[in-house]
């Protein structure tokens, strides 16, 4: 069954009221949706386990669903959190062993390369954003200290950090 959001919302409301038949239909529709959602995100051999984990999370969180709100975004949020948990588990277990003949860079070279990368990224930000990020995130000042040094209000510091970091993240993802 490929149900729309309104149908799933109604069925989930009935399921919360104790209708087991409605709950079975919701779980079946969610299972189909989750398989499609995960199909392009993880290895095919891990999909079934992740779908089951997500359905268990949905079952545990079913009381937190608000029937006046859309169902599919709620399901998508649960699915995304389970997917991220799966990725963390996968990458934590997939550590590589380094061999002595593996080429490495010296710590000084790594610091220089990191600084060049940061400077290159920061060139895309406005000067107030660069100042706010430099003072708070790199130099470790508090918001009020950064405000005093830069002449920006505390709220402007917070906004510039938020917008700057968001833009940096978009730049990194685009590369």
N, C-alpha and C. Protein backbone atom coordinates (compact mmCIF):
# COMPACT_ATOMS: atom_id res chain seq x y z
N UNK A 1 0.82 -1.17 0.00
CA UNK A 1 0.00 0.00 0.00
C UNK A 1 0.88 1.25 0.00
N UNK A 2 0.58 2.18 -0.87
CA UNK A 2 1.30 3.45 -0.91
C UNK A 2 0.30 4.53 -0.51
N UNK A 3 0.25 4.80 0.78
CA UNK A 3 -0.75 5.73 1.32
C UNK A 3 -0.22 7.15 1.31
N UNK A 4 -1.13 8.09 1.19
CA UNK A 4 -0.75 9.49 1.25
C UNK A 4 -0.69 9.94 2.71
N UNK A 5 -0.21 11.15 2.92
CA UNK A 5 0.00 11.65 4.26
C UNK A 5 -1.31 11.74 5.05
N UNK A 6 -2.37 12.21 4.41
CA UNK A 6 -3.65 12.35 5.12
C UNK A 6 -4.17 11.00 5.60
N UNK A 7 -4.04 9.98 4.76
CA UNK A 7 -4.49 8.64 5.13
C UNK A 7 -3.67 8.10 6.30
N UNK A 8 -2.34 8.26 6.20
CA UNK A 8 -1.48 7.78 7.27
C UNK A 8 -1.73 8.54 8.58
N UNK A 9 -1.99 9.81 8.47
CA UNK A 9 -2.29 10.62 9.66
C UNK A 9 -3.55 10.08 10.35
N UNK A 10 -4.59 9.81 9.56
CA UNK A 10 -5.82 9.28 10.13
C UNK A 10 -5.64 7.90 10.73
N UNK A 11 -4.91 7.05 10.01
CA UNK A 11 -4.67 5.69 10.52
C UNK A 11 -3.84 5.71 11.80
N UNK A 12 -2.86 6.60 11.86
CA UNK A 12 -2.02 6.68 13.06
C UNK A 12 -2.83 7.19 14.24
N UNK A 13 -3.75 8.10 13.99
CA UNK A 13 -4.63 8.58 15.07
C UNK A 13 -5.48 7.43 15.60
N UNK A 14 -6.01 6.61 14.70
CA UNK A 14 -6.79 5.44 15.13
C UNK A 14 -5.90 4.46 15.89
N UNK A 15 -4.67 4.27 15.40
CA UNK A 15 -3.74 3.35 16.07
C UNK A 15 -3.43 3.84 17.48
N UNK A 16 -3.30 5.14 17.65
CA UNK A 16 -3.03 5.68 18.98
C UNK A 16 -4.22 5.47 19.92
N UNK A 17 -5.41 5.35 19.32
CA UNK A 17 -6.61 5.08 20.12
C UNK A 17 -6.83 3.59 20.36
N UNK A 18 -5.89 2.75 19.86
CA UNK A 18 -5.96 1.32 20.15
C UNK A 18 -6.42 0.45 19.00
N UNK A 19 -6.63 0.99 17.81
CA UNK A 19 -7.07 0.20 16.65
C UNK A 19 -5.87 -0.56 16.08
N UNK A 20 -5.83 -1.87 16.37
CA UNK A 20 -4.69 -2.69 15.95
C UNK A 20 -4.64 -2.88 14.44
N UNK A 21 -5.79 -2.96 13.80
CA UNK A 21 -5.83 -3.10 12.34
C UNK A 21 -5.24 -1.89 11.66
N UNK A 22 -5.59 -0.72 12.14
CA UNK A 22 -5.04 0.52 11.59
C UNK A 22 -3.53 0.57 11.81
N UNK A 23 -3.08 0.10 12.96
CA UNK A 23 -1.65 0.12 13.26
C UNK A 23 -0.88 -0.81 12.32
N UNK A 24 -1.45 -1.99 12.03
CA UNK A 24 -0.81 -2.91 11.09
C UNK A 24 -0.69 -2.27 9.71
N UNK A 25 -1.73 -1.58 9.27
CA UNK A 25 -1.70 -0.91 7.96
C UNK A 25 -0.64 0.18 7.97
N UNK A 26 -0.57 0.96 9.05
CA UNK A 26 0.44 2.02 9.16
C UNK A 26 1.84 1.42 9.09
N UNK A 27 2.09 0.36 9.85
CA UNK A 27 3.41 -0.27 9.84
C UNK A 27 3.76 -0.81 8.47
N UNK A 28 2.79 -1.42 7.77
CA UNK A 28 3.05 -1.93 6.42
C UNK A 28 3.38 -0.81 5.45
N UNK A 29 2.63 0.28 5.52
CA UNK A 29 2.90 1.42 4.63
C UNK A 29 4.25 2.04 4.97
N UNK A 30 4.56 2.13 6.25
CA UNK A 30 5.85 2.69 6.68
C UNK A 30 7.00 1.80 6.22
N UNK A 31 6.81 0.50 6.30
CA UNK A 31 7.85 -0.43 5.87
C UNK A 31 8.16 -0.22 4.39
N UNK A 32 7.13 -0.09 3.56
CA UNK A 32 7.34 0.14 2.13
C UNK A 32 8.04 1.47 1.89
N UNK A 33 7.60 2.51 2.60
CA UNK A 33 8.19 3.83 2.44
C UNK A 33 9.65 3.83 2.87
N UNK A 34 9.94 3.16 3.99
CA UNK A 34 11.31 3.12 4.50
C UNK A 34 12.25 2.37 3.56
N UNK A 35 11.76 1.30 2.94
CA UNK A 35 12.61 0.57 1.99
C UNK A 35 13.00 1.48 0.82
N UNK A 36 12.04 2.27 0.34
CA UNK A 36 12.35 3.21 -0.74
C UNK A 36 13.31 4.30 -0.25
N UNK A 37 13.08 4.79 0.96
CA UNK A 37 13.90 5.85 1.53
C UNK A 37 15.36 5.41 1.68
N UNK A 38 15.57 4.20 2.19
CA UNK A 38 16.93 3.71 2.44
C UNK A 38 17.60 3.12 1.20
N UNK A 39 16.85 2.84 0.15
CA UNK A 39 17.40 2.16 -1.02
C UNK A 39 18.60 2.88 -1.62
N UNK A 40 18.62 4.20 -1.57
CA UNK A 40 19.71 4.96 -2.18
C UNK A 40 20.67 5.51 -1.14
N UNK A 41 20.51 5.10 0.11
CA UNK A 41 21.33 5.67 1.17
C UNK A 41 22.30 4.67 1.80
N UNK A 42 21.97 3.39 1.79
CA UNK A 42 22.85 2.41 2.43
C UNK A 42 22.98 1.18 1.54
N UNK A 43 23.87 0.30 1.94
CA UNK A 43 24.09 -0.93 1.20
C UNK A 43 22.83 -1.78 1.22
N UNK A 44 22.51 -2.43 0.10
CA UNK A 44 21.29 -3.22 0.02
C UNK A 44 21.16 -4.30 1.09
N UNK A 45 22.28 -4.87 1.52
CA UNK A 45 22.21 -5.94 2.52
C UNK A 45 21.89 -5.41 3.93
N UNK A 46 21.92 -4.10 4.12
CA UNK A 46 21.64 -3.52 5.44
C UNK A 46 20.24 -2.90 5.52
N UNK A 47 19.53 -2.86 4.41
CA UNK A 47 18.23 -2.17 4.38
C UNK A 47 17.22 -2.81 5.32
N UNK A 48 17.06 -4.13 5.26
CA UNK A 48 16.03 -4.79 6.07
C UNK A 48 16.24 -4.57 7.57
N UNK A 49 17.49 -4.67 8.01
CA UNK A 49 17.76 -4.46 9.44
C UNK A 49 17.46 -3.03 9.84
N UNK A 50 17.83 -2.08 8.98
CA UNK A 50 17.59 -0.68 9.30
C UNK A 50 16.10 -0.35 9.28
N UNK A 51 15.37 -0.96 8.36
CA UNK A 51 13.92 -0.77 8.32
C UNK A 51 13.30 -1.28 9.62
N UNK A 52 13.73 -2.46 10.06
CA UNK A 52 13.19 -3.02 11.31
C UNK A 52 13.55 -2.15 12.52
N UNK A 53 14.79 -1.66 12.57
CA UNK A 53 15.19 -0.76 13.66
C UNK A 53 14.34 0.51 13.66
N UNK A 54 14.07 1.03 12.47
CA UNK A 54 13.28 2.25 12.37
C UNK A 54 11.84 1.99 12.78
N UNK A 55 11.29 0.85 12.38
CA UNK A 55 9.92 0.52 12.80
C UNK A 55 9.84 0.34 14.32
N UNK A 56 10.89 -0.19 14.92
CA UNK A 56 10.92 -0.30 16.38
C UNK A 56 10.95 1.09 17.02
N UNK A 57 11.73 1.99 16.44
CA UNK A 57 11.77 3.36 16.95
C UNK A 57 10.42 4.03 16.80
N UNK A 58 9.78 3.82 15.66
CA UNK A 58 8.44 4.36 15.43
C UNK A 58 7.48 3.83 16.48
N UNK A 59 7.57 2.54 16.77
CA UNK A 59 6.70 1.92 17.76
C UNK A 59 6.92 2.55 19.14
N UNK A 60 8.17 2.77 19.50
CA UNK A 60 8.48 3.36 20.80
C UNK A 60 8.03 4.82 20.87
N UNK A 61 8.08 5.52 19.74
CA UNK A 61 7.77 6.95 19.72
C UNK A 61 6.33 7.25 19.29
N UNK A 62 5.52 6.22 19.07
CA UNK A 62 4.18 6.44 18.51
C UNK A 62 3.32 7.35 19.37
N UNK A 63 3.52 7.34 20.66
CA UNK A 63 2.73 8.21 21.55
C UNK A 63 3.09 9.68 21.37
N UNK A 64 4.29 9.96 20.83
CA UNK A 64 4.71 11.35 20.66
C UNK A 64 4.17 11.97 19.38
N UNK A 65 3.55 11.15 18.52
CA UNK A 65 3.02 11.69 17.27
C UNK A 65 1.77 12.53 17.53
N UNK A 66 1.72 13.71 16.93
CA UNK A 66 0.57 14.61 17.05
C UNK A 66 -0.27 14.49 15.78
N UNK A 67 -1.47 13.90 15.85
CA UNK A 67 -2.30 13.68 14.67
C UNK A 67 -2.71 14.96 13.93
N UNK A 68 -2.55 16.11 14.54
CA UNK A 68 -2.88 17.36 13.85
C UNK A 68 -1.76 17.80 12.92
N UNK A 69 -0.63 17.10 12.97
CA UNK A 69 0.53 17.44 12.15
C UNK A 69 0.74 16.37 11.08
N UNK A 70 1.45 16.69 9.99
CA UNK A 70 1.70 15.70 8.94
C UNK A 70 2.47 14.49 9.46
N UNK A 71 2.15 13.33 8.91
CA UNK A 71 2.75 12.08 9.37
C UNK A 71 4.11 11.82 8.71
N UNK A 72 4.19 12.00 7.40
CA UNK A 72 5.42 11.62 6.69
C UNK A 72 6.66 12.40 7.14
N UNK A 73 6.59 13.70 7.42
CA UNK A 73 7.79 14.36 7.95
C UNK A 73 8.21 13.80 9.31
N UNK A 74 7.24 13.40 10.13
CA UNK A 74 7.56 12.78 11.41
C UNK A 74 8.29 11.46 11.19
N UNK A 75 7.77 10.65 10.26
CA UNK A 75 8.42 9.38 9.93
C UNK A 75 9.81 9.63 9.34
N UNK A 76 9.93 10.62 8.46
CA UNK A 76 11.21 10.93 7.83
C UNK A 76 12.26 11.34 8.86
N UNK A 77 11.85 12.07 9.88
CA UNK A 77 12.79 12.47 10.93
C UNK A 77 13.30 11.24 11.68
N UNK A 78 12.41 10.34 12.02
CA UNK A 78 12.83 9.10 12.70
C UNK A 78 13.77 8.30 11.79
N UNK A 79 13.41 8.19 10.53
CA UNK A 79 14.23 7.43 9.58
C UNK A 79 15.62 8.04 9.44
N UNK A 80 15.67 9.36 9.39
CA UNK A 80 16.96 10.03 9.23
C UNK A 80 17.84 9.78 10.46
N UNK A 81 17.28 9.89 11.66
CA UNK A 81 18.06 9.64 12.87
C UNK A 81 18.57 8.20 12.92
N UNK A 82 17.75 7.25 12.53
CA UNK A 82 18.19 5.85 12.52
C UNK A 82 19.27 5.63 11.47
N UNK A 83 19.14 6.30 10.32
CA UNK A 83 20.13 6.19 9.25
C UNK A 83 21.48 6.74 9.72
N UNK A 84 21.47 7.89 10.38
CA UNK A 84 22.71 8.49 10.88
C UNK A 84 23.34 7.57 11.94
N UNK A 85 22.51 7.00 12.81
CA UNK A 85 23.03 6.05 13.81
C UNK A 85 23.69 4.86 13.12
N UNK A 86 23.08 4.37 12.05
CA UNK A 86 23.64 3.24 11.30
C UNK A 86 24.97 3.62 10.68
N UNK A 87 25.05 4.82 10.11
CA UNK A 87 26.31 5.27 9.50
C UNK A 87 27.40 5.38 10.56
N UNK A 88 27.06 5.92 11.71
CA UNK A 88 28.06 6.03 12.78
C UNK A 88 28.57 4.65 13.18
N UNK A 89 27.66 3.71 13.34
CA UNK A 89 28.03 2.36 13.73
C UNK A 89 28.92 1.72 12.65
N UNK A 90 28.55 1.90 11.40
CA UNK A 90 29.30 1.32 10.29
C UNK A 90 30.72 1.88 10.24
N UNK A 91 30.83 3.20 10.33
CA UNK A 91 32.15 3.81 10.23
C UNK A 91 33.00 3.60 11.47
N UNK A 92 32.37 3.45 12.61
CA UNK A 92 33.11 3.17 13.83
C UNK A 92 33.75 1.78 13.75
N UNK A 93 33.04 0.84 13.14
CA UNK A 93 33.53 -0.54 13.04
C UNK A 93 34.46 -0.74 11.86
N UNK A 94 34.53 0.22 10.97
CA UNK A 94 35.34 0.04 9.76
C UNK A 94 36.65 0.80 9.83
N UNK A 95 37.29 0.78 10.98
CA UNK A 95 38.56 1.49 11.10
C UNK A 95 39.65 0.72 10.35
N UNK A 96 40.50 1.49 9.71
CA UNK A 96 41.58 0.88 8.93
C UNK A 96 42.84 0.79 9.77
N UNK A 97 43.61 -0.23 9.53
CA UNK A 97 44.89 -0.37 10.20
C UNK A 97 45.93 0.37 9.36
N UNK A 98 46.71 1.23 10.00
CA UNK A 98 47.76 1.96 9.29
C UNK A 98 49.04 1.14 9.32
N UNK A 99 49.71 1.09 8.21
CA UNK A 99 50.98 0.38 8.12
C UNK A 99 52.12 1.37 8.20
N UNK A 100 53.28 0.90 8.56
CA UNK A 100 54.43 1.79 8.71
C UNK A 100 54.81 2.46 7.40
N UNK A 101 54.56 1.81 6.28
CA UNK A 101 54.94 2.40 5.00
C UNK A 101 53.91 3.39 4.46
N UNK A 102 52.86 3.65 5.23
CA UNK A 102 51.85 4.61 4.82
C UNK A 102 52.42 6.01 4.90
N UNK A 103 52.29 6.75 3.82
CA UNK A 103 52.81 8.11 3.79
C UNK A 103 51.98 9.00 4.71
N UNK A 104 52.66 9.78 5.51
CA UNK A 104 51.97 10.72 6.39
C UNK A 104 52.59 12.09 6.25
N UNK A 105 51.84 13.08 6.66
CA UNK A 105 52.39 14.42 6.65
C UNK A 105 52.80 14.78 8.07
N UNK A 106 53.71 15.68 8.18
CA UNK A 106 54.16 16.14 9.48
C UNK A 106 53.06 17.00 10.10
N UNK A 107 52.97 17.05 11.43
CA UNK A 107 51.94 17.86 12.08
C UNK A 107 51.96 19.32 11.63
N UNK A 108 53.15 19.87 11.39
CA UNK A 108 53.24 21.26 10.96
C UNK A 108 52.60 21.42 9.58
N UNK A 109 52.85 20.45 8.69
CA UNK A 109 52.27 20.51 7.35
C UNK A 109 50.75 20.41 7.42
N UNK A 110 50.24 19.56 8.31
CA UNK A 110 48.79 19.42 8.46
C UNK A 110 48.18 20.73 8.93
N UNK A 111 48.83 21.39 9.87
CA UNK A 111 48.31 22.66 10.39
C UNK A 111 48.30 23.73 9.30
N UNK A 112 49.36 23.77 8.51
CA UNK A 112 49.43 24.76 7.42
C UNK A 112 48.35 24.48 6.39
N UNK A 113 48.17 23.22 6.01
CA UNK A 113 47.15 22.87 5.03
C UNK A 113 45.75 23.16 5.56
N UNK A 114 45.52 22.89 6.83
CA UNK A 114 44.22 23.18 7.42
C UNK A 114 43.96 24.68 7.43
N UNK A 115 44.97 25.47 7.75
CA UNK A 115 44.81 26.93 7.79
C UNK A 115 44.53 27.47 6.39
N UNK A 116 45.21 26.92 5.38
CA UNK A 116 44.97 27.35 4.00
C UNK A 116 43.53 27.02 3.60
N UNK A 117 43.06 25.84 3.97
CA UNK A 117 41.69 25.44 3.65
C UNK A 117 40.68 26.35 4.34
N UNK A 118 40.92 26.65 5.61
CA UNK A 118 40.01 27.53 6.35
C UNK A 118 40.00 28.92 5.73
N UNK A 119 41.18 29.45 5.42
CA UNK A 119 41.25 30.79 4.82
C UNK A 119 40.53 30.83 3.48
N UNK A 120 40.67 29.77 2.70
CA UNK A 120 40.01 29.69 1.40
C UNK A 120 38.49 29.69 1.56
N UNK A 121 37.99 28.95 2.55
CA UNK A 121 36.55 28.91 2.81
C UNK A 121 36.05 30.24 3.37
N UNK A 122 36.80 30.82 4.29
CA UNK A 122 36.38 32.06 4.93
C UNK A 122 36.30 33.22 3.93
N UNK A 123 37.02 33.11 2.82
CA UNK A 123 36.99 34.17 1.81
C UNK A 123 35.60 34.33 1.21
N UNK A 124 34.76 33.31 1.34
CA UNK A 124 33.40 33.36 0.80
C UNK A 124 32.40 34.02 1.76
N UNK A 125 32.84 34.36 2.97
CA UNK A 125 31.95 34.94 3.97
C UNK A 125 32.10 36.45 4.03
N UNK A 126 31.10 37.09 4.61
CA UNK A 126 31.18 38.54 4.81
C UNK A 126 32.17 38.82 5.95
N UNK A 127 32.78 40.01 5.96
CA UNK A 127 33.73 40.33 7.04
C UNK A 127 33.14 40.19 8.45
N UNK A 128 31.89 40.61 8.71
CA UNK A 128 31.36 40.40 10.08
C UNK A 128 31.23 38.91 10.44
N UNK A 129 30.89 38.07 9.46
CA UNK A 129 30.79 36.64 9.72
C UNK A 129 32.16 36.06 10.03
N UNK A 130 33.18 36.46 9.26
CA UNK A 130 34.54 35.97 9.50
C UNK A 130 35.00 36.38 10.89
N UNK A 131 34.76 37.63 11.25
CA UNK A 131 35.17 38.12 12.57
C UNK A 131 34.49 37.34 13.68
N UNK A 132 33.17 37.16 13.57
CA UNK A 132 32.42 36.45 14.61
C UNK A 132 32.90 35.01 14.74
N UNK A 133 33.07 34.32 13.63
CA UNK A 133 33.52 32.93 13.68
C UNK A 133 34.94 32.84 14.22
N UNK A 134 35.81 33.73 13.77
CA UNK A 134 37.20 33.73 14.23
C UNK A 134 37.26 33.93 15.75
N UNK A 135 36.55 34.90 16.25
CA UNK A 135 36.62 35.22 17.67
C UNK A 135 36.00 34.13 18.55
N UNK A 136 34.84 33.62 18.16
CA UNK A 136 34.12 32.68 19.03
C UNK A 136 34.55 31.23 18.78
N UNK A 137 34.52 30.81 17.53
CA UNK A 137 34.76 29.40 17.22
C UNK A 137 36.24 29.02 17.16
N UNK A 138 37.08 29.95 16.74
CA UNK A 138 38.50 29.61 16.59
C UNK A 138 39.30 30.09 17.81
N UNK A 139 39.08 31.36 18.22
CA UNK A 139 39.84 31.90 19.35
C UNK A 139 39.24 31.51 20.70
N UNK A 140 37.99 31.07 20.71
CA UNK A 140 37.37 30.57 21.94
C UNK A 140 36.80 31.62 22.87
N UNK A 141 36.54 32.82 22.35
CA UNK A 141 35.94 33.86 23.19
C UNK A 141 34.46 33.59 23.41
N UNK A 142 33.91 34.17 24.45
CA UNK A 142 32.47 34.08 24.67
C UNK A 142 31.79 35.06 23.72
N UNK A 143 30.47 34.94 23.61
CA UNK A 143 29.70 35.83 22.75
C UNK A 143 29.88 37.28 23.21
N UNK A 144 29.81 37.51 24.52
CA UNK A 144 29.94 38.89 25.02
C UNK A 144 31.35 39.43 24.80
N UNK A 145 32.38 38.62 24.97
CA UNK A 145 33.75 39.06 24.70
C UNK A 145 33.93 39.39 23.23
N UNK A 146 33.39 38.55 22.35
CA UNK A 146 33.50 38.80 20.91
C UNK A 146 32.75 40.06 20.53
N UNK A 147 31.63 40.30 21.18
CA UNK A 147 30.85 41.50 20.93
C UNK A 147 31.67 42.74 21.30
N UNK A 148 32.32 42.70 22.43
CA UNK A 148 33.15 43.81 22.87
C UNK A 148 34.32 44.08 21.95
N UNK A 149 34.95 43.03 21.48
CA UNK A 149 36.12 43.20 20.60
C UNK A 149 35.75 43.66 19.20
N UNK A 150 34.62 43.15 18.68
CA UNK A 150 34.27 43.42 17.29
C UNK A 150 33.39 44.64 17.09
N UNK A 151 32.72 45.06 18.16
CA UNK A 151 31.79 46.18 18.02
C UNK A 151 30.42 45.75 17.54
N UNK A 152 30.22 44.45 17.32
CA UNK A 152 28.91 43.93 16.92
C UNK A 152 28.11 43.63 18.19
N UNK A 153 26.78 43.72 18.09
CA UNK A 153 25.95 43.36 19.23
C UNK A 153 26.05 41.84 19.43
N UNK A 154 25.65 41.40 20.62
CA UNK A 154 25.70 39.96 20.90
C UNK A 154 24.79 39.18 19.96
N UNK A 155 23.61 39.74 19.67
CA UNK A 155 22.71 39.04 18.75
C UNK A 155 23.29 39.01 17.34
N UNK A 156 23.98 40.07 16.94
CA UNK A 156 24.62 40.08 15.61
C UNK A 156 25.73 39.04 15.54
N UNK A 157 26.47 38.88 16.63
CA UNK A 157 27.52 37.84 16.69
C UNK A 157 26.89 36.47 16.47
N UNK A 158 25.82 36.20 17.19
CA UNK A 158 25.15 34.90 17.08
C UNK A 158 24.62 34.66 15.67
N UNK A 159 23.99 35.69 15.09
CA UNK A 159 23.44 35.56 13.74
C UNK A 159 24.56 35.35 12.73
N UNK A 160 25.65 36.13 12.86
CA UNK A 160 26.77 35.99 11.91
C UNK A 160 27.43 34.63 12.02
N UNK A 161 27.54 34.10 13.22
CA UNK A 161 28.11 32.75 13.38
C UNK A 161 27.19 31.73 12.72
N UNK A 162 25.91 31.82 13.03
CA UNK A 162 24.95 30.85 12.48
C UNK A 162 24.96 30.89 10.95
N UNK A 163 24.83 32.07 10.38
CA UNK A 163 24.79 32.18 8.91
C UNK A 163 26.12 31.81 8.28
N UNK A 164 27.21 32.19 8.93
CA UNK A 164 28.52 31.87 8.39
C UNK A 164 28.80 30.38 8.39
N UNK A 165 28.49 29.72 9.49
CA UNK A 165 28.70 28.28 9.59
C UNK A 165 27.80 27.54 8.60
N UNK A 166 26.57 28.02 8.46
CA UNK A 166 25.65 27.41 7.49
C UNK A 166 26.21 27.53 6.08
N UNK A 167 26.76 28.70 5.74
CA UNK A 167 27.33 28.90 4.40
C UNK A 167 28.57 28.04 4.21
N UNK A 168 29.40 27.94 5.25
CA UNK A 168 30.59 27.09 5.17
C UNK A 168 30.20 25.63 4.94
N UNK A 169 29.19 25.18 5.65
CA UNK A 169 28.72 23.80 5.48
C UNK A 169 28.24 23.57 4.05
N UNK A 170 27.51 24.54 3.50
CA UNK A 170 27.03 24.40 2.13
C UNK A 170 28.20 24.37 1.15
N UNK A 171 29.21 25.19 1.39
CA UNK A 171 30.39 25.20 0.52
C UNK A 171 31.13 23.86 0.56
N UNK A 172 31.27 23.33 1.77
CA UNK A 172 31.98 22.05 1.92
C UNK A 172 31.21 20.93 1.25
N UNK A 173 29.87 20.91 1.43
CA UNK A 173 29.05 19.88 0.81
C UNK A 173 29.09 19.98 -0.71
N UNK A 174 29.16 21.20 -1.25
CA UNK A 174 29.16 21.35 -2.70
C UNK A 174 30.45 20.86 -3.33
N UNK A 175 31.53 20.86 -2.54
CA UNK A 175 32.79 20.35 -3.06
C UNK A 175 32.84 18.85 -2.91
